[in-house]
Amino acid sequence: MNSDSLTKITIGIANASLVNEGKVTLTSILIRNGLIERIFTDNPDEIYRVKPEQLIEAKGKLLFPGVIDDQVHFREPGLTHKEDIYSGSKAAVAGGVTSFMEMPNTNPQTTTIALLDEKFRIASEKSLANYSFYLGATNDNIDELAKIDSNKVCGIKVFMGSSTGNMLVNKRESLERIFRQSPVLIATHCEDEATIKENITKYKELYGEDIPFRYHAEIRSYKACFLSSSLAVSLAKKYNSRLHVLHLSTEKELELFEEGIPIYNKRITSEVCIHHLWFSQDDYEKYGWRIKWNPSIKTVKDRLALIDGLKSNKVDIVATDHAPHLISEKDAGYFKSASGGPLVQHSLVAMIELSKKGHFSLDLIAQKMCHAPAIIYGIEKRGFVKEGYHADLTLVDPHENWIVNKGNLLYKCGWSPFEGQPFSSKVTHTIINGRVVYENGRFDESFRGSALRFSR
């Protein structure tokens, strides 16, 4: 049976607890030709009368819209010893992520439309999930912005903080032009370079080259984050730009964002990542290089404030900033240890665990990981469970206990900061474009995802 005929098979999901649009409802779903054809809420058992060709019994399981991760680094081209689009998307699918948006700091860096198109070509051949890619802004490539296909490209990535090569945009004139001219959403990494350099000098005087990892939070400090984030917000307000501030890490930055504004009306939005919700500065002693990210993981007070920011809707999206490196690139002294780590396989179950601990409700998870990315980026017919939408769905057993270990990791880099962590829920099925791509540890390797489309 070829892949086209597989896509046309009708699939039924029976008696799942659907987490969608602010409610958890016993529901059955009928999928046909890659789309959600019918949703049975009043009488979920009607799915049996329809007699789909493939039926998934989902009683006792949670059904989410497919997770949309708006910030991953899958390292292709050029850095594929750490990860590639195939391995990264496979880990994502096992974690219930059905769509991803990938960052431009590859090798070569994705700073031209030609290089961007090449990434789309690679993904069409290798990705098990749906995909889009950011164009990277530099001080010198702003004329490329006018060439962007706004229906195809998720956004422009601006590194307003330490980066590699030519991707640090540190000229005010360049930033002004980007915020004035960008035809699509501007996603920013915000850390003030001058503040970071001052802090490095200070801690080098105290500790030399052997700075304890806990001081990463002081070197890449709340001040560095706030100075840069506040600059981005002020430029967005000046030019009425569509700004999305990535990976907030501090309580202070929450002052820059308003609550009570419907997400559809926001011009300035924000994101927090799993590691900033899960870990704190107190964890550096135990985890060391494993939790060295940029922006840094900060205090318990910051972590709890970010959770509150999700609940107050000052923070709109939860993502991963999945950024794998080999252990040999991480397990080194402070200055040699690369920043970033793999997370995309464990983001949804980590959020469910935080929900079980009482931090927030299940429907907030769907709101921040599924609905909000679709709304903020204008993704066509994804992010919700609605009739006529693409059938991107994730089933979770909320009572399956398991422990993360090297044997069940799918990251090409071969490690995770969650190793040894017990979780009490597990993704059992991931459906993408109407195909069961992942089922209880087995993948449909013949499937390839689709390029996301955006309505703007």
Protein backbone atom coordinates (compact mmCIF):
# COMPACT_ATOMS: atom_id res chain seq x y z
CA MET A 1 0.00 0.00 0.00
CA ASN A 2 1.53 3.34 -1.03
CA SER A 3 1.69 6.42 1.17
CA ASP A 4 -1.07 8.24 -0.71
CA SER A 5 -3.51 5.41 -0.11
CA LEU A 6 -2.48 5.27 3.55
CA THR A 7 -3.35 8.96 3.90
CA LYS A 8 -6.85 8.24 2.56
CA ILE A 9 -7.58 5.61 5.21
CA THR A 10 -10.29 6.76 7.61
CA ILE A 11 -9.06 6.83 11.21
CA GLY A 12 -11.20 6.96 14.30
CA ILE A 13 -10.16 7.97 17.79
CA ALA A 14 -12.70 6.69 20.30
CA ASN A 15 -13.59 8.15 23.69
CA ALA A 16 -10.56 10.32 24.35
CA SER A 17 -10.48 13.19 26.85
CA LEU A 18 -10.02 16.04 24.40
CA VAL A 19 -8.03 19.02 25.72
CA ASN A 20 -9.02 21.83 23.38
CA GLU A 21 -10.18 25.46 23.54
CA GLY A 22 -10.38 25.71 27.30
CA LYS A 23 -12.20 22.46 28.01
CA VAL A 24 -11.55 18.77 28.63
CA THR A 25 -14.34 16.80 26.99
CA LEU A 26 -15.01 13.12 26.30
CA THR A 27 -14.84 13.04 22.52
CA SER A 28 -14.38 10.83 19.47
CA ILE A 29 -12.80 12.00 16.23
CA LEU A 30 -13.14 10.86 12.62
CA ILE A 31 -10.22 11.61 10.28
CA ARG A 32 -10.49 11.36 6.50
CA ASN A 33 -8.11 12.50 3.73
CA GLY A 34 -5.76 14.07 6.24
CA LEU A 35 -8.42 16.27 7.82
CA ILE A 36 -10.63 16.15 10.89
CA GLU A 37 -13.98 15.31 9.32
CA ARG A 38 -16.21 14.92 12.37
CA ILE A 39 -15.98 15.53 16.10
CA PHE A 40 -18.39 13.53 18.25
CA THR A 41 -18.90 15.15 21.65
CA ASP A 42 -22.60 14.64 22.36
CA ASN A 43 -22.39 10.93 21.52
CA PRO A 44 -18.77 9.74 21.32
CA ASP A 45 -19.85 6.12 20.73
CA GLU A 46 -21.20 7.15 17.33
CA ILE A 47 -17.66 6.59 16.04
CA TYR A 48 -18.36 2.84 16.16
CA ARG A 49 -21.35 3.23 13.85
CA VAL A 50 -19.18 5.04 11.30
CA LYS A 51 -16.77 2.07 11.21
CA PRO A 52 -13.46 3.77 10.32
CA GLU A 53 -10.84 1.55 8.72
CA GLN A 54 -8.46 2.14 11.63
CA LEU A 55 -9.80 2.67 15.13
CA ILE A 56 -7.73 3.83 18.10
CA GLU A 57 -9.36 3.05 21.44
CA ALA A 58 -8.43 6.06 23.57
CA LYS A 59 -10.52 5.70 26.72
CA GLY A 60 -8.59 7.14 29.66
CA LYS A 61 -6.17 9.00 27.40
CA LEU A 62 -5.72 12.72 26.81
CA LEU A 63 -6.04 14.00 23.26
CA PHE A 64 -4.25 17.26 22.45
CA PRO A 65 -3.93 19.17 19.20
CA GLY A 66 -0.46 18.45 17.85
CA VAL A 67 2.18 20.51 19.66
CA ILE A 68 3.74 23.34 17.61
CA ASP A 69 7.29 24.17 18.72
CA ASP A 70 8.25 27.62 17.47
CA GLN A 71 11.94 27.37 18.42
CA VAL A 72 14.21 24.43 17.62
CA HIS A 73 17.77 24.02 16.37
CA PHE A 74 18.03 20.87 14.24
CA ARG A 75 21.59 21.74 13.13
CA GLU A 76 21.24 20.98 9.42
CA PRO A 77 23.13 21.85 7.30
CA GLY A 78 26.68 21.79 8.56
CA LEU A 79 26.36 20.70 12.19
CA THR A 80 24.76 17.31 11.71
CA HIS A 81 27.10 15.53 14.11
CA LYS A 82 24.85 17.00 16.84
CA GLU A 83 21.42 16.60 15.23
CA ASP A 84 19.79 16.75 11.81
CA ILE A 85 16.31 17.39 10.49
CA TYR A 86 15.47 13.67 10.40
CA SER A 87 16.69 12.84 13.92
CA GLY A 88 15.34 16.05 15.42
CA SER A 89 11.91 15.65 13.85
CA LYS A 90 11.78 12.00 14.93
CA ALA A 91 12.45 12.94 18.55
CA ALA A 92 9.85 15.70 18.22
CA VAL A 93 7.19 13.32 16.92
CA ALA A 94 7.87 10.88 19.79
CA GLY A 95 7.19 13.80 22.12
CA GLY A 96 3.88 14.75 20.49
CA VAL A 97 5.27 17.65 18.45
CA THR A 98 3.67 17.69 15.01
CA SER A 99 5.14 20.97 13.65
CA PHE A 100 8.37 22.86 14.26
CA MET A 101 10.00 26.15 13.29
CA GLU A 102 13.77 25.92 12.99
CA MET A 103 16.46 28.49 13.62
CA PRO A 104 19.04 29.93 11.19
CA ASN A 105 22.34 29.48 13.06
CA THR A 106 23.41 26.48 11.02
CA ASN A 107 26.49 26.23 8.80
CA PRO A 108 26.18 28.06 6.51
CA GLN A 109 23.91 30.41 8.41
CA THR A 110 20.47 30.80 6.87
CA THR A 111 20.75 34.46 5.92
CA THR A 112 19.68 34.37 2.25
CA ILE A 113 16.51 33.22 0.53
CA ALA A 114 18.51 30.66 -1.46
CA LEU A 115 19.84 29.04 1.72
CA LEU A 116 16.35 29.17 3.24
CA ASP A 117 14.91 27.36 0.20
CA GLU A 118 17.58 24.69 0.57
CA LYS A 119 16.40 23.98 4.11
CA PHE A 120 12.85 23.57 2.90
CA ARG A 121 14.11 21.10 0.26
CA ILE A 122 15.98 19.05 2.86
CA ALA A 123 12.97 18.98 5.18
CA SER A 124 10.66 17.82 2.38
CA GLU A 125 12.90 14.77 1.99
CA LYS A 126 13.75 14.06 5.64
CA SER A 127 11.29 15.53 8.17
CA LEU A 128 8.75 13.33 9.95
CA ALA A 129 6.95 16.47 11.19
CA ASN A 130 5.57 19.61 9.55
CA TYR A 131 8.07 22.44 9.31
CA SER A 132 9.02 26.02 8.61
CA PHE A 133 12.28 27.96 8.92
CA TYR A 134 13.38 31.42 10.00
CA LEU A 135 15.49 33.73 7.91
CA GLY A 136 18.39 34.98 10.01
CA ALA A 137 18.94 38.73 10.14
CA THR A 138 22.40 40.27 10.16
CA ASN A 139 23.70 43.81 10.07
CA ASP A 140 24.19 43.44 6.33
CA ASN A 141 21.40 41.32 4.80
CA ILE A 142 18.34 43.47 5.37
CA ASP A 143 17.56 43.72 1.66
CA GLU A 144 16.76 39.99 1.78
CA LEU A 145 13.69 40.76 3.92
CA ALA A 146 11.77 42.08 0.94
CA LYS A 147 12.17 38.71 -0.82
CA ILE A 148 10.45 36.68 1.91
CA ASP A 149 7.37 34.66 0.99
CA SER A 150 5.21 35.55 3.98
CA ASN A 151 2.91 32.58 3.34
CA LYS A 152 5.84 30.15 3.62
CA VAL A 153 8.38 31.62 6.06
CA CYS A 154 7.52 31.65 9.77
CA GLY A 155 9.57 34.74 10.62
CA ILE A 156 12.85 36.58 10.89
CA LYS A 157 15.25 35.68 13.71
CA VAL A 158 17.23 38.54 15.23
CA PHE A 159 20.03 37.78 17.67
CA MET A 160 20.11 40.88 19.87
CA GLY A 161 22.65 39.11 22.06
CA SER A 162 25.69 36.90 21.84
CA SER A 163 25.76 34.69 18.79
CA THR A 164 28.33 33.26 16.43
CA GLY A 165 29.78 34.65 13.24
CA ASN A 166 27.85 37.50 11.66
CA MET A 167 24.49 36.86 13.32
CA LEU A 168 24.74 39.33 16.19
CA VAL A 169 22.74 42.38 15.11
CA ASN A 170 24.34 45.09 17.21
CA LYS A 171 24.02 48.20 15.08
CA ARG A 172 21.12 50.46 16.01
CA GLU A 173 20.65 51.50 12.37
CA SER A 174 20.29 47.85 11.33
CA LEU A 175 17.78 47.12 14.07
CA GLU A 176 15.73 50.18 13.10
CA ARG A 177 15.60 49.00 9.48
CA ILE A 178 14.62 45.46 10.43
CA PHE A 179 11.80 46.61 12.71
CA ARG A 180 10.64 49.12 10.12
CA GLN A 181 10.76 46.87 7.05
CA SER A 182 10.09 43.27 8.11
CA PRO A 183 7.06 41.83 6.28
CA VAL A 184 6.75 38.99 8.81
CA LEU A 185 7.00 38.33 12.53
CA ILE A 186 10.34 39.29 14.14
CA ALA A 187 11.54 36.74 16.70
CA THR A 188 14.29 38.00 18.98
CA HIS A 189 16.95 36.53 21.23
CA CYS A 190 17.42 39.34 23.74
CA GLU A 191 20.57 39.69 25.83
CA ASP A 192 22.68 42.83 26.05
CA GLU A 193 26.21 42.10 24.87
CA ALA A 194 27.93 44.92 26.77
CA THR A 195 26.43 43.83 30.09
CA ILE A 196 27.49 40.22 29.53
CA LYS A 197 31.07 41.29 28.77
CA GLU A 198 31.21 43.39 31.94
CA ASN A 199 29.99 40.44 33.99
CA ILE A 200 32.50 38.08 32.40
CA THR A 201 35.31 40.43 33.36
CA LYS A 202 34.04 40.56 36.94
CA TYR A 203 33.76 36.80 37.38
CA LYS A 204 37.06 36.12 35.65
CA GLU A 205 38.74 38.32 38.24
CA LEU A 206 37.11 36.21 40.97
CA TYR A 207 37.48 32.70 39.52
CA GLY A 208 39.77 32.87 36.49
CA GLU A 209 38.80 30.42 33.73
CA ASP A 210 37.15 27.98 36.14
CA ILE A 211 33.91 29.84 36.86
CA PRO A 212 31.30 27.64 38.62
CA PHE A 213 28.31 27.04 36.35
CA ARG A 214 25.88 28.57 38.85
CA TYR A 215 27.31 31.99 37.99
CA HIS A 216 26.06 31.61 34.42
CA ALA A 217 22.87 33.13 35.85
CA GLU A 218 24.84 36.16 37.05
CA ILE A 219 26.93 36.57 33.89
CA ARG A 220 23.98 36.38 31.53
CA SER A 221 21.97 38.30 34.07
CA TYR A 222 18.44 39.60 34.43
CA LYS A 223 19.84 43.06 33.60
CA ALA A 224 21.32 41.82 30.31
CA CYS A 225 17.98 40.27 29.38
CA PHE A 226 15.85 43.24 30.38
CA LEU A 227 17.98 45.86 28.62
CA SER A 228 17.76 43.97 25.35
CA SER A 229 14.10 42.91 25.65
CA SER A 230 13.05 46.45 26.50
CA LEU A 231 14.91 47.73 23.43
CA ALA A 232 13.11 45.22 21.22
CA VAL A 233 9.73 46.19 22.67
CA SER A 234 10.43 49.91 22.23
CA LEU A 235 11.39 49.42 18.57
CA ALA A 236 8.29 47.33 17.96
CA LYS A 237 6.09 50.03 19.44
CA LYS A 238 7.86 52.71 17.42
CA TYR A 239 7.28 50.92 14.10
CA ASN A 240 4.17 48.88 15.00
CA SER A 241 6.21 45.77 14.21
CA ARG A 242 5.00 42.24 14.84
CA LEU A 243 7.43 41.22 17.60
CA HIS A 244 7.80 37.89 19.37
CA VAL A 245 10.35 37.83 22.21
CA LEU A 246 11.79 34.34 22.60
CA HIS A 247 12.74 32.42 25.77
CA LEU A 248 11.99 34.87 28.57
CA SER A 249 14.01 33.93 31.65
CA THR A 250 13.36 36.66 34.23
CA GLU A 251 10.57 38.07 36.35
CA LYS A 252 11.75 41.57 35.40
CA GLU A 253 10.99 41.06 31.70
CA LEU A 254 7.33 40.36 32.46
CA GLU A 255 6.94 44.10 33.10
CA LEU A 256 7.26 44.61 29.35
CA PHE A 257 4.14 42.63 28.47
CA GLU A 258 0.49 43.37 29.10
CA GLU A 259 -2.16 41.04 30.40
CA GLY A 260 -5.81 41.12 29.52
CA ILE A 261 -5.30 41.70 25.79
CA PRO A 262 -6.85 39.02 23.55
CA ILE A 263 -4.09 37.13 21.77
CA TYR A 264 -5.60 37.90 18.36
CA ASN A 265 -5.08 41.62 19.05
CA LYS A 266 -1.48 41.45 20.26
CA ARG A 267 1.35 42.99 18.23
CA ILE A 268 3.97 42.08 20.85
CA THR A 269 4.05 38.53 22.21
CA SER A 270 6.43 36.37 24.21
CA GLU A 271 7.60 32.82 24.82
CA VAL A 272 9.03 30.81 27.70
CA CYS A 273 10.91 27.54 27.36
CA ILE A 274 10.61 24.28 29.27
CA HIS A 275 14.00 24.55 30.98
CA HIS A 276 13.16 27.97 32.43
CA LEU A 277 9.93 26.53 33.86
CA TRP A 278 11.54 23.35 35.22
CA PHE A 279 15.03 24.21 36.50
CA SER A 280 16.42 27.05 38.64
CA GLN A 281 19.81 28.45 39.61
CA ASP A 282 19.82 26.06 42.57
CA ASP A 283 20.07 23.15 40.10
CA TYR A 284 23.44 24.13 38.62
CA GLU A 285 25.28 22.32 41.42
CA LYS A 286 23.60 19.04 40.43
CA TYR A 287 23.38 19.42 36.64
CA GLY A 288 26.24 21.79 35.77
CA TRP A 289 26.83 21.96 32.00
CA ARG A 290 23.64 20.00 31.33
CA ILE A 291 21.53 23.08 32.05
CA LYS A 292 23.79 25.75 30.56
CA TRP A 293 21.53 27.64 28.16
CA ASN A 294 21.45 31.16 26.74
CA PRO A 295 19.56 32.98 28.19
CA SER A 296 20.62 31.42 31.45
CA ILE A 297 18.41 29.53 33.88
CA LYS A 298 17.90 31.92 36.77
CA THR A 299 16.40 31.93 40.28
CA VAL A 300 13.47 30.00 41.76
CA LYS A 301 11.68 33.34 42.02
CA ASP A 302 12.12 33.90 38.28
CA ARG A 303 10.91 30.37 37.50
CA LEU A 304 7.73 30.78 39.53
CA ALA A 305 7.12 34.24 38.08
CA LEU A 306 7.32 32.82 34.55
CA ILE A 307 4.74 30.19 35.47
CA ASP A 308 2.50 32.98 36.78
CA GLY A 309 3.17 34.88 33.55
CA LEU A 310 1.69 31.99 31.60
CA LYS A 311 -1.42 32.01 33.76
CA SER A 312 -1.85 35.79 33.48
CA ASN A 313 -1.29 35.61 29.69
CA LYS A 314 1.68 37.95 29.78
CA VAL A 315 3.53 34.95 28.32
CA ASP A 316 1.91 33.44 25.26
CA ILE A 317 3.84 30.38 24.06
CA VAL A 318 5.75 27.48 25.62
CA ALA A 319 8.54 26.07 23.43
CA THR A 320 11.82 24.20 23.86
CA ASP A 321 14.77 26.03 22.27
CA HIS A 322 15.92 22.46 21.53
CA ALA A 323 19.64 23.08 20.95
CA PRO A 324 21.69 19.87 21.11
CA HIS A 325 25.46 19.57 21.43
CA LEU A 326 27.61 16.49 21.93
CA ILE A 327 28.65 15.68 25.49
CA SER A 328 32.24 16.39 24.43
CA GLU A 329 31.14 19.92 23.49
CA LYS A 330 29.27 20.42 26.78
CA ASP A 331 31.33 18.64 29.42
CA ALA A 332 34.12 21.18 29.70
CA GLY A 333 35.06 24.21 31.75
CA TYR A 334 32.68 27.14 31.85
CA PHE A 335 34.05 29.03 28.83
CA LYS A 336 34.47 25.93 26.65
CA SER A 337 31.06 24.43 27.41
CA ALA A 338 28.55 25.06 24.62
CA SER A 339 25.21 26.56 25.64
CA GLY A 340 22.03 24.67 24.84
CA GLY A 341 20.56 21.21 25.21
CA PRO A 342 18.02 18.75 23.77
CA LEU A 343 14.40 18.96 24.94
CA VAL A 344 11.92 18.40 22.11
CA GLN A 345 11.18 14.76 22.99
CA HIS A 346 10.10 15.64 26.54
CA SER A 347 8.39 19.03 26.40
CA LEU A 348 4.77 17.89 26.51
CA VAL A 349 5.22 15.32 29.27
CA ALA A 350 7.22 17.86 31.30
CA MET A 351 4.34 20.32 31.03
CA ILE A 352 1.84 17.66 32.06
CA GLU A 353 4.05 16.88 35.07
CA LEU A 354 4.03 20.56 36.05
CA SER A 355 0.26 20.52 35.71
CA LYS A 356 0.01 17.50 38.01
CA LYS A 357 2.09 19.42 40.56
CA GLY A 358 -0.63 22.07 40.57
CA HIS A 359 1.11 24.85 38.65
CA PHE A 360 -1.55 25.15 35.93
CA SER A 361 -4.40 23.31 34.22
CA LEU A 362 -4.26 20.92 31.28
CA ASP A 363 -6.13 23.35 29.07
CA LEU A 364 -3.35 25.92 29.59
CA ILE A 365 -0.94 23.40 28.02
CA ALA A 366 -3.07 23.20 24.88
CA GLN A 367 -3.42 26.98 24.86
CA LYS A 368 0.32 27.70 25.11
CA MET A 369 1.76 24.81 23.09
CA CYS A 370 -0.89 24.36 20.38
CA HIS A 371 -3.42 27.19 20.03
CA ALA A 372 -1.17 30.21 20.66
CA PRO A 373 1.60 29.28 18.19
CA ALA A 374 -1.03 28.79 15.49
CA ILE A 375 -2.64 32.15 16.26
CA ILE A 376 0.55 34.17 16.71
CA TYR A 377 2.19 32.91 13.53
CA GLY A 378 -1.02 32.69 11.52
CA ILE A 379 -0.62 28.99 10.73
CA GLU A 380 -3.35 27.76 8.43
CA LYS A 381 -5.74 25.16 9.88
CA ARG A 382 -3.52 23.78 12.62
CA GLY A 383 -3.19 24.12 16.39
CA PHE A 384 -6.83 23.29 17.18
CA VAL A 385 -9.10 20.28 17.01
CA LYS A 386 -11.75 21.57 14.61
CA GLU A 387 -13.67 20.04 11.75
CA GLY A 388 -11.91 20.85 8.47
CA TYR A 389 -8.52 21.35 10.16
CA HIS A 390 -5.46 19.24 9.41
CA ALA A 391 -5.47 16.13 11.58
CA ASP A 392 -2.43 16.90 13.75
CA LEU A 393 -3.15 15.17 17.06
CA THR A 394 -1.33 13.77 20.07
CA LEU A 395 -2.58 11.05 22.41
CA VAL A 396 -1.14 10.80 25.91
CA ASP A 397 -1.58 8.14 28.55
CA PRO A 398 -1.72 10.28 31.73
CA HIS A 399 -1.02 7.32 34.01
CA GLU A 400 1.99 5.60 32.41
CA ASN A 401 5.09 5.84 34.57
CA TRP A 402 8.52 5.74 32.96
CA ILE A 403 12.02 7.06 33.47
CA VAL A 404 14.14 8.91 30.92
CA ASN A 405 17.35 7.03 30.17
CA LYS A 406 19.84 6.69 27.34
CA GLY A 407 17.99 3.65 26.04
CA ASN A 408 14.82 5.61 25.25
CA LEU A 409 16.43 8.83 24.00
CA LEU A 410 16.10 9.66 20.31
CA TYR A 411 18.41 12.69 20.30
CA LYS A 412 21.40 12.28 18.01
CA CYS A 413 23.60 13.92 20.65
CA GLY A 414 22.83 11.00 22.97
CA TRP A 415 22.01 12.75 26.25
CA SER A 416 19.30 14.74 28.02
CA PRO A 417 19.12 16.96 31.11
CA PHE A 418 16.09 14.82 32.02
CA GLU A 419 18.06 11.55 32.28
CA GLY A 420 16.93 9.78 35.43
CA GLN A 421 13.76 11.89 35.62
CA PRO A 422 10.56 9.90 36.21
CA PHE A 423 7.47 11.02 34.31
CA SER A 424 3.92 9.86 35.01
CA SER A 425 2.52 10.39 31.51
CA LYS A 426 3.63 9.21 28.09
CA VAL A 427 2.86 10.04 24.47
CA THR A 428 1.35 6.94 22.84
CA HIS A 429 0.27 8.21 19.40
CA THR A 430 1.21 11.14 17.20
CA ILE A 431 -0.95 11.77 14.14
CA ILE A 432 0.26 14.20 11.48
CA ASN A 433 -1.76 15.22 8.43
CA GLY A 434 -4.08 12.30 9.10
CA ARG A 435 -1.36 9.63 9.39
CA VAL A 436 -0.38 7.72 12.52
CA VAL A 437 3.32 8.56 12.39
CA TYR A 438 4.14 7.34 15.91
CA GLU A 439 2.45 4.59 17.90
CA ASN A 440 3.84 3.15 21.12
CA GLY A 441 7.48 3.42 20.14
CA ARG A 442 7.03 2.57 16.44
CA PHE A 443 7.40 5.10 13.62
CA ASP A 444 5.96 5.23 10.13
CA GLU A 445 9.28 5.90 8.42
CA SER A 446 7.63 6.33 5.02
CA PHE A 447 5.86 9.53 6.10
CA ARG A 448 7.14 13.04 5.44
CA GLY A 449 5.66 16.20 6.89
CA SER A 450 4.50 19.27 4.99
CA ALA A 451 5.69 22.85 4.89
CA LEU A 452 3.49 25.01 7.10
CA ARG A 453 1.42 27.69 5.42
CA PHE A 454 0.69 31.07 7.01
CA SER A 455 -2.23 33.46 6.57
CA ARG A 456 -1.04 37.05 7.07
